[in-house]
Amino acid sequence: MAEPLKLLYSPAYIEELAIAIHEQTGSFDAAAFTKSVLGSGWKALELKQRMRRISSTLAHHVPGAYRGQLKTLKRLAPRFDGLRGLFFPDFVEVQGLDDFDASMDALEHFTRFSSSEFAVRPFIVRYGQRAMTVMQRWADDENEHVRRLASEGCRPRLPWGIALAQFKRDPSPILPILERLRADPSEYVRRSVANNLNDIVKDHPDLVLETAKRWLGGSKETDRLVKHACRTLLKRGDQRALKLFGHHDSVDVGVAAFSLSPKSVAIGTSLRFGFTLRAGARTPARIEYAIDFVNGRGGVTRKVFKVGEKSLEANVPLRIERTQRFTDFTTRTHYPGRHRIAVLVNGVERAAKRFDVIAPR
């Protein structure tokens, strides 16, 4: 089992950081800083809470005013990079919201070694177009991490980040950045563009579909970007999106030999199932299955799982076998009750069966 991410911020790491700051400044009390960070309740803090403890403590211990502190931290950033360096941009978010120019410059610097995608968002909220103008400039930067920040930082629904309500209502300020980056040479950047569009699709599906139609055919790389951007629409069975990628709802596909085992699945075990597809004519098929999970409120929540995209040959059977785990994990809790599983081809439900989920044995 993987160690919790919060353990990246270990006592040894905090001591290493303290010593490095002391070496930079000569007047930094490394022992007091370490004691303050690792003090009351440290062991119970999760990753983002530990990050905030570090960044807030830096403000009290690094010599000088805010801009002077930034100079010290900028010199240290290359040494403390990656996920463990997220406290550098977090320091800017907490301490620098009133100093736009110095803070945006610092976020650009820190993102080269870690990521400023979370920290830039309060600046977008407060400064609006002024912040977006800077981010449009970042979209032309030679460094791929800075270019990615231009897209990732303004996602309307960035996971772990504060939502940008103004872009949920009106994403038009984002679009010039995405246009600039859609053919970026870095897949890392292009994937961020796709994720941004997939955020937008939750509130403005027509806008994303129009963009997808306009971008498709630009290159193989852009086509992959567009498809990834439309993944929510495809999982919803949106026929406009499916047809955009050659999947038509009217194709003649039958489902046979749909089997489930066992008929009653204990939480913590797995369901094995299989089905055979047969098409009346050669057709491209997006194959999925959906499970209507019983939720904690007594209703159901549907989740769609992609099997793959295949070309079905006329009257040639295709057998699909899968296993679905019913083990609880962080993003889904299972509840006893009557469940339903359905076979989807090109967004259309072709067959379904019911089964029971029971309490752990």
Protein backbone atom coordinates (compact mmCIF):
# COMPACT_ATOMS: atom_id res chain seq x y z
CA MET A 1 0.00 0.00 0.00
CA ALA A 2 1.35 3.43 -0.97
CA GLU A 3 2.27 5.82 1.82
CA PRO A 4 -0.02 8.84 2.37
CA LEU A 5 1.12 11.86 0.36
CA LYS A 6 1.27 13.96 3.52
CA LEU A 7 4.40 12.02 4.54
CA LEU A 8 6.27 13.86 1.78
CA TYR A 9 6.45 16.63 4.36
CA SER A 10 8.47 14.66 6.89
CA PRO A 11 10.41 16.07 9.88
CA ALA A 12 13.63 15.39 7.97
CA TYR A 13 12.34 17.41 5.01
CA ILE A 14 11.35 20.34 7.24
CA GLU A 15 14.80 20.30 8.84
CA GLU A 16 16.44 20.25 5.41
CA LEU A 17 14.33 23.24 4.35
CA ALA A 18 15.19 25.13 7.54
CA ILE A 19 18.92 24.58 7.08
CA ALA A 20 18.73 25.71 3.45
CA ILE A 21 16.96 28.96 4.39
CA HIS A 22 19.53 29.61 7.10
CA GLU A 23 22.32 29.14 4.57
CA GLN A 24 20.63 31.66 2.27
CA THR A 25 19.99 34.35 4.87
CA GLY A 26 22.41 33.79 7.74
CA SER A 27 19.83 35.23 10.17
CA PHE A 28 17.12 32.58 10.01
CA ASP A 29 16.37 30.64 13.21
CA ALA A 30 16.19 27.13 11.79
CA ALA A 31 15.42 25.50 15.13
CA ALA A 32 12.52 27.83 15.92
CA PHE A 33 11.07 27.38 12.44
CA THR A 34 11.26 23.59 12.66
CA LYS A 35 9.69 23.56 16.11
CA SER A 36 6.85 25.81 14.96
CA VAL A 37 6.07 23.73 11.85
CA LEU A 38 6.20 20.38 13.64
CA GLY A 39 4.31 21.63 16.71
CA SER A 40 0.75 21.15 17.87
CA GLY A 41 -1.30 18.70 15.80
CA TRP A 42 1.25 18.20 13.00
CA LYS A 43 0.82 14.42 12.77
CA ALA A 44 -2.94 14.76 12.22
CA LEU A 45 -2.61 17.30 9.40
CA GLU A 46 -3.26 16.14 5.82
CA LEU A 47 -1.18 17.15 2.79
CA LYS A 48 -2.73 20.57 2.05
CA GLN A 49 -2.93 21.40 5.75
CA ARG A 50 0.77 20.63 6.17
CA MET A 51 1.54 22.73 3.11
CA ARG A 52 -0.38 25.66 4.61
CA ARG A 53 1.36 25.22 7.98
CA ILE A 54 4.74 25.46 6.25
CA SER A 55 3.87 28.47 4.10
CA SER A 56 2.31 30.39 7.01
CA THR A 57 5.28 29.66 9.27
CA LEU A 58 7.68 30.84 6.59
CA ALA A 59 5.97 34.24 6.66
CA HIS A 60 6.77 34.60 10.36
CA HIS A 61 10.36 33.38 10.24
CA VAL A 62 11.99 34.31 6.91
CA PRO A 63 13.73 37.69 7.39
CA GLY A 64 12.43 40.79 5.62
CA ALA A 65 9.18 42.06 4.18
CA TYR A 66 7.18 40.14 1.57
CA ARG A 67 9.23 41.02 -1.53
CA GLY A 68 12.48 40.28 0.28
CA GLN A 69 11.11 36.94 1.45
CA LEU A 70 10.20 36.12 -2.14
CA LYS A 71 13.80 36.64 -3.23
CA THR A 72 14.96 34.11 -0.65
CA LEU A 73 12.32 31.54 -1.57
CA LYS A 74 12.91 31.93 -5.31
CA ARG A 75 16.53 30.92 -4.82
CA LEU A 76 15.44 27.82 -2.92
CA ALA A 77 12.68 26.63 -5.28
CA PRO A 78 14.88 24.60 -7.67
CA ARG A 79 16.16 22.57 -4.71
CA PHE A 80 12.69 21.77 -3.29
CA ASP A 81 10.73 20.92 -6.40
CA GLY A 82 7.81 18.73 -7.40
CA LEU A 83 4.83 18.05 -5.17
CA ARG A 84 6.92 18.82 -2.09
CA GLY A 85 7.47 22.35 -3.35
CA LEU A 86 3.80 23.35 -3.43
CA PHE A 87 4.25 25.45 -0.31
CA PHE A 88 6.19 28.05 -2.34
CA PRO A 89 3.19 29.13 -4.47
CA ASP A 90 0.96 28.65 -1.42
CA PHE A 91 3.11 31.24 0.37
CA VAL A 92 2.31 33.67 -2.46
CA GLU A 93 -1.40 32.88 -2.28
CA VAL A 94 -1.57 33.54 1.47
CA GLN A 95 0.83 36.45 1.81
CA GLY A 96 0.85 38.22 -1.55
CA LEU A 97 -2.70 38.86 -2.67
CA ASP A 98 -2.25 42.63 -2.21
CA ASP A 99 0.94 42.75 -4.28
CA PHE A 100 -0.21 41.72 -7.75
CA ASP A 101 2.95 42.33 -9.78
CA ALA A 102 5.45 40.70 -7.42
CA SER A 103 3.13 37.79 -6.74
CA MET A 104 2.30 36.94 -10.36
CA ASP A 105 6.01 37.10 -11.18
CA ALA A 106 6.71 34.73 -8.28
CA LEU A 107 3.99 32.28 -9.34
CA GLU A 108 5.48 32.18 -12.83
CA HIS A 109 8.88 31.38 -11.28
CA PHE A 110 7.66 28.74 -8.82
CA THR A 111 5.56 26.85 -11.36
CA ARG A 112 8.71 25.94 -13.25
CA PHE A 113 9.71 23.71 -10.34
CA SER A 114 6.38 22.75 -8.78
CA SER A 115 2.95 24.09 -9.80
CA SER A 116 1.14 27.37 -9.18
CA GLU A 117 -2.22 26.20 -10.55
CA PHE A 118 -3.96 26.41 -7.15
CA ALA A 119 -2.30 29.58 -5.91
CA VAL A 120 -3.09 31.69 -8.98
CA ARG A 121 -6.85 31.26 -8.61
CA PRO A 122 -7.46 33.83 -5.83
CA PHE A 123 -5.65 36.36 -8.03
CA ILE A 124 -8.05 35.59 -10.88
CA VAL A 125 -10.99 36.06 -8.53
CA ARG A 126 -9.75 39.42 -7.23
CA TYR A 127 -8.10 40.91 -10.31
CA GLY A 128 -10.16 39.40 -13.12
CA GLN A 129 -9.01 40.44 -16.58
CA ARG A 130 -5.77 41.89 -15.24
CA ALA A 131 -4.77 38.40 -14.11
CA MET A 132 -6.00 36.81 -17.33
CA THR A 133 -3.89 39.23 -19.38
CA VAL A 134 -0.80 37.97 -17.58
CA MET A 135 -1.90 34.38 -18.15
CA GLN A 136 -2.33 35.06 -21.87
CA ARG A 137 1.29 36.15 -21.88
CA TRP A 138 2.24 32.95 -20.05
CA ALA A 139 0.59 30.97 -22.87
CA ASP A 140 3.44 32.16 -25.13
CA ASP A 141 6.26 31.33 -22.70
CA GLU A 142 9.08 29.06 -23.84
CA ASN A 143 8.72 26.92 -20.70
CA GLU A 144 6.02 24.24 -20.94
CA HIS A 145 5.27 24.45 -17.20
CA VAL A 146 4.45 28.14 -17.52
CA ARG A 147 2.30 27.51 -20.59
CA ARG A 148 0.44 24.76 -18.76
CA LEU A 149 -0.18 27.14 -15.84
CA ALA A 150 -1.93 29.49 -18.27
CA SER A 151 -4.50 26.77 -19.00
CA GLU A 152 -4.61 24.76 -15.78
CA GLY A 153 -4.81 27.78 -13.51
CA CYS A 154 -8.03 29.08 -15.08
CA ARG A 155 -9.95 25.80 -15.22
CA PRO A 156 -13.46 26.54 -13.92
CA ARG A 157 -13.57 23.37 -11.80
CA LEU A 158 -9.97 22.46 -10.99
CA PRO A 159 -9.93 19.49 -8.55
CA TRP A 160 -8.58 20.51 -5.12
CA GLY A 161 -8.74 24.17 -6.18
CA ILE A 162 -11.33 26.84 -5.51
CA ALA A 163 -14.00 26.97 -8.22
CA LEU A 164 -14.00 29.98 -10.53
CA ALA A 165 -17.68 30.89 -10.52
CA GLN A 166 -17.21 33.70 -13.04
CA PHE A 167 -15.93 31.22 -15.62
CA LYS A 168 -18.72 28.77 -14.90
CA ARG A 169 -21.08 31.57 -15.90
CA ASP A 170 -19.02 32.89 -18.79
CA PRO A 171 -15.90 31.02 -19.96
CA SER A 172 -15.15 33.45 -22.81
CA PRO A 173 -12.05 34.96 -21.08
CA ILE A 174 -10.49 31.48 -21.07
CA LEU A 175 -10.94 30.79 -24.77
CA PRO A 176 -8.06 32.92 -26.15
CA ILE A 177 -5.64 30.95 -23.97
CA LEU A 178 -7.01 27.61 -25.12
CA GLU A 179 -6.86 28.72 -28.75
CA ARG A 180 -3.19 29.58 -28.38
CA LEU A 181 -2.36 26.24 -26.73
CA ARG A 182 -4.49 23.77 -28.71
CA ALA A 183 -1.55 22.88 -30.99
CA ASP A 184 1.14 23.19 -28.32
CA PRO A 185 4.13 20.89 -28.92
CA SER A 186 3.85 19.55 -25.35
CA GLU A 187 1.29 16.83 -24.62
CA TYR A 188 1.47 17.96 -20.98
CA VAL A 189 0.07 21.33 -22.07
CA ARG A 190 -2.45 19.93 -24.57
CA ARG A 191 -3.88 17.62 -21.92
CA SER A 192 -4.47 20.63 -19.69
CA VAL A 193 -6.35 22.32 -22.54
CA ALA A 194 -8.53 19.21 -22.85
CA ASN A 195 -9.19 19.18 -19.11
CA ASN A 196 -10.14 22.85 -19.17
CA LEU A 197 -12.65 22.24 -21.97
CA ASN A 198 -14.02 19.24 -20.09
CA ASP A 199 -14.65 21.57 -17.14
CA ILE A 200 -16.43 24.04 -19.42
CA VAL A 201 -18.63 21.30 -20.89
CA LYS A 202 -20.38 20.86 -17.52
CA ASP A 203 -22.00 24.30 -17.95
CA HIS A 204 -21.65 25.08 -21.67
CA PRO A 205 -21.80 21.87 -23.74
CA ASP A 206 -22.80 23.66 -26.94
CA LEU A 207 -19.75 25.91 -26.76
CA VAL A 208 -17.42 22.93 -26.38
CA LEU A 209 -19.11 21.06 -29.22
CA GLU A 210 -18.70 24.08 -31.50
CA THR A 211 -15.04 24.30 -30.51
CA ALA A 212 -14.55 20.57 -31.08
CA LYS A 213 -16.03 20.76 -34.58
CA ARG A 214 -13.77 23.68 -35.43
CA TRP A 215 -10.60 22.06 -34.08
CA LEU A 216 -11.08 18.52 -35.39
CA GLY A 217 -8.85 17.66 -38.32
CA GLY A 218 -6.10 20.08 -37.35
CA SER A 219 -3.66 17.26 -36.51
CA LYS A 220 -3.63 13.85 -34.86
CA GLU A 221 -2.51 15.47 -31.63
CA THR A 222 -5.29 18.05 -31.68
CA ASP A 223 -7.85 15.38 -32.53
CA ARG A 224 -6.80 13.41 -29.43
CA LEU A 225 -7.08 16.60 -27.38
CA VAL A 226 -10.62 17.20 -28.68
CA LYS A 227 -11.73 13.66 -27.91
CA HIS A 228 -10.36 13.87 -24.38
CA ALA A 229 -12.11 17.23 -23.96
CA CYS A 230 -15.42 15.62 -24.94
CA ARG A 231 -15.11 12.62 -22.63
CA THR A 232 -17.90 13.75 -20.31
CA LEU A 233 -20.26 14.24 -23.24
CA LEU A 234 -19.32 10.84 -24.63
CA LYS A 235 -19.96 9.15 -21.28
CA ARG A 236 -23.31 10.91 -21.07
CA GLY A 237 -24.22 9.37 -24.41
CA ASP A 238 -24.55 12.78 -26.05
CA GLN A 239 -25.38 11.85 -29.63
CA ARG A 240 -23.91 15.05 -31.06
CA ALA A 241 -20.52 14.23 -29.55
CA LEU A 242 -20.73 10.54 -30.46
CA LYS A 243 -21.53 11.32 -34.10
CA LEU A 244 -18.65 13.77 -34.18
CA PHE A 245 -16.34 10.79 -33.65
CA GLY A 246 -18.19 8.44 -36.01
CA HIS A 247 -20.44 6.61 -33.54
CA HIS A 248 -24.10 6.53 -34.59
CA ASP A 249 -26.97 5.55 -32.35
CA SER A 250 -28.97 3.91 -35.14
CA VAL A 251 -26.56 1.04 -35.82
CA ASP A 252 -27.98 -2.49 -35.63
CA VAL A 253 -26.20 -4.15 -32.70
CA GLY A 254 -27.62 -7.00 -30.65
CA VAL A 255 -26.53 -8.32 -27.28
CA ALA A 256 -26.58 -12.04 -26.50
CA ALA A 257 -25.37 -14.39 -23.75
CA PHE A 258 -25.38 -11.62 -21.14
CA SER A 259 -24.25 -13.39 -17.96
CA LEU A 260 -23.53 -12.31 -14.36
CA SER A 261 -21.74 -14.22 -11.61
CA PRO A 262 -22.52 -14.31 -8.77
CA LYS A 263 -26.11 -13.10 -8.72
CA SER A 264 -25.57 -11.63 -5.22
CA VAL A 265 -22.31 -9.72 -4.78
CA ALA A 266 -20.96 -9.15 -1.27
CA ILE A 267 -19.35 -5.76 -0.65
CA GLY A 268 -15.61 -6.30 -0.80
CA THR A 269 -15.85 -8.91 -3.59
CA SER A 270 -16.26 -8.73 -7.38
CA LEU A 271 -18.88 -9.24 -10.05
CA ARG A 272 -17.89 -11.17 -13.16
CA PHE A 273 -19.95 -10.54 -16.25
CA GLY A 274 -19.84 -11.03 -20.00
CA PHE A 275 -21.86 -10.40 -23.14
CA THR A 276 -21.63 -10.98 -26.88
CA LEU A 277 -22.16 -8.25 -29.46
CA ARG A 278 -23.23 -8.89 -33.03
CA ALA A 279 -23.73 -6.17 -35.65
CA GLY A 280 -25.85 -6.44 -38.79
CA ALA A 281 -23.27 -4.47 -40.77
CA ARG A 282 -19.70 -3.30 -40.29
CA THR A 283 -19.79 -0.43 -37.81
CA PRO A 284 -17.49 1.54 -35.50
CA ALA A 285 -18.66 0.96 -31.94
CA ARG A 286 -17.98 2.71 -28.66
CA ILE A 287 -18.61 -0.04 -26.11
CA GLU A 288 -19.38 0.79 -22.47
CA TYR A 289 -21.24 -0.58 -19.53
CA ALA A 290 -23.13 1.40 -16.90
CA ILE A 291 -23.91 0.43 -13.32
CA ASP A 292 -26.71 2.07 -11.37
CA PHE A 293 -25.23 2.00 -7.87
CA VAL A 294 -27.47 2.26 -4.83
CA ASN A 295 -26.37 5.39 -2.97
CA GLY A 296 -26.50 6.42 0.66
CA ARG A 297 -29.75 8.34 0.16
CA GLY A 298 -31.63 5.28 -1.08
CA GLY A 299 -31.57 6.37 -4.71
CA VAL A 300 -29.22 5.34 -7.50
CA THR A 301 -26.13 6.91 -9.03
CA ARG A 302 -25.07 5.82 -12.51
CA LYS A 303 -21.44 5.40 -13.43
CA VAL A 304 -20.33 4.59 -16.97
CA PHE A 305 -17.22 2.50 -17.65
CA LYS A 306 -15.58 2.42 -21.05
CA VAL A 307 -14.71 -0.98 -22.52
CA GLY A 308 -13.19 0.33 -25.73
CA GLU A 309 -13.77 1.38 -29.31
CA LYS A 310 -13.84 -1.40 -31.85
CA SER A 311 -14.93 -1.98 -35.42
CA LEU A 312 -17.66 -4.60 -35.35
CA GLU A 313 -17.68 -6.79 -38.47
CA ALA A 314 -21.00 -7.83 -39.99
CA ASN A 315 -22.42 -10.91 -38.25
CA VAL A 316 -19.11 -11.63 -36.48
CA PRO A 317 -19.71 -12.05 -32.72
CA LEU A 318 -17.51 -10.17 -30.28
CA ARG A 319 -17.32 -11.53 -26.74
CA ILE A 320 -16.61 -9.12 -23.89
CA GLU A 321 -15.66 -10.34 -20.39
CA ARG A 322 -15.12 -8.00 -17.45
CA THR A 323 -14.80 -7.96 -13.66
CA GLN A 324 -16.20 -5.14 -11.52
CA ARG A 325 -14.90 -4.70 -8.00
CA PHE A 326 -17.31 -3.77 -5.22
CA THR A 327 -14.60 -2.78 -2.77
CA ASP A 328 -15.05 0.56 -1.01
CA PHE A 329 -12.47 3.24 -1.76
CA THR A 330 -12.12 6.99 -1.36
CA THR A 331 -14.28 8.01 -4.32
CA ARG A 332 -17.06 5.45 -3.96
CA THR A 333 -18.80 3.70 -1.07
CA HIS A 334 -21.01 0.70 -1.81
CA TYR A 335 -24.41 0.07 -0.24
CA PRO A 336 -26.54 -3.09 -0.18
CA GLY A 337 -29.53 -3.17 -2.49
CA ARG A 338 -30.81 -3.92 -5.95
CA HIS A 339 -28.36 -2.76 -8.62
CA ARG A 340 -28.58 -2.65 -12.40
CA ILE A 341 -25.95 -3.13 -15.09
CA ALA A 342 -26.48 -2.10 -18.71
CA VAL A 343 -24.56 -2.61 -21.95
CA LEU A 344 -24.13 0.57 -23.99
CA VAL A 345 -23.11 0.75 -27.63
CA ASN A 346 -22.68 4.21 -29.16
CA GLY A 347 -24.40 5.74 -26.16
CA VAL A 348 -27.54 3.61 -26.46
CA GLU A 349 -28.56 1.02 -23.87
CA ARG A 350 -28.80 -2.34 -25.66
CA ALA A 351 -29.40 -4.76 -22.75
CA ALA A 352 -29.61 -4.69 -18.96
CA LYS A 353 -29.76 -7.01 -15.96
CA ARG A 354 -30.37 -6.57 -12.24
CA PHE A 355 -28.35 -8.05 -9.40
CA ASP A 356 -28.09 -7.69 -5.64
CA VAL A 357 -25.29 -6.22 -3.60
CA ILE A 358 -25.26 -7.57 -0.06
CA ALA A 359 -23.44 -6.70 3.17
CA PRO A 360 -19.89 -8.02 3.63
CA ARG A 361 -19.74 -11.65 4.65
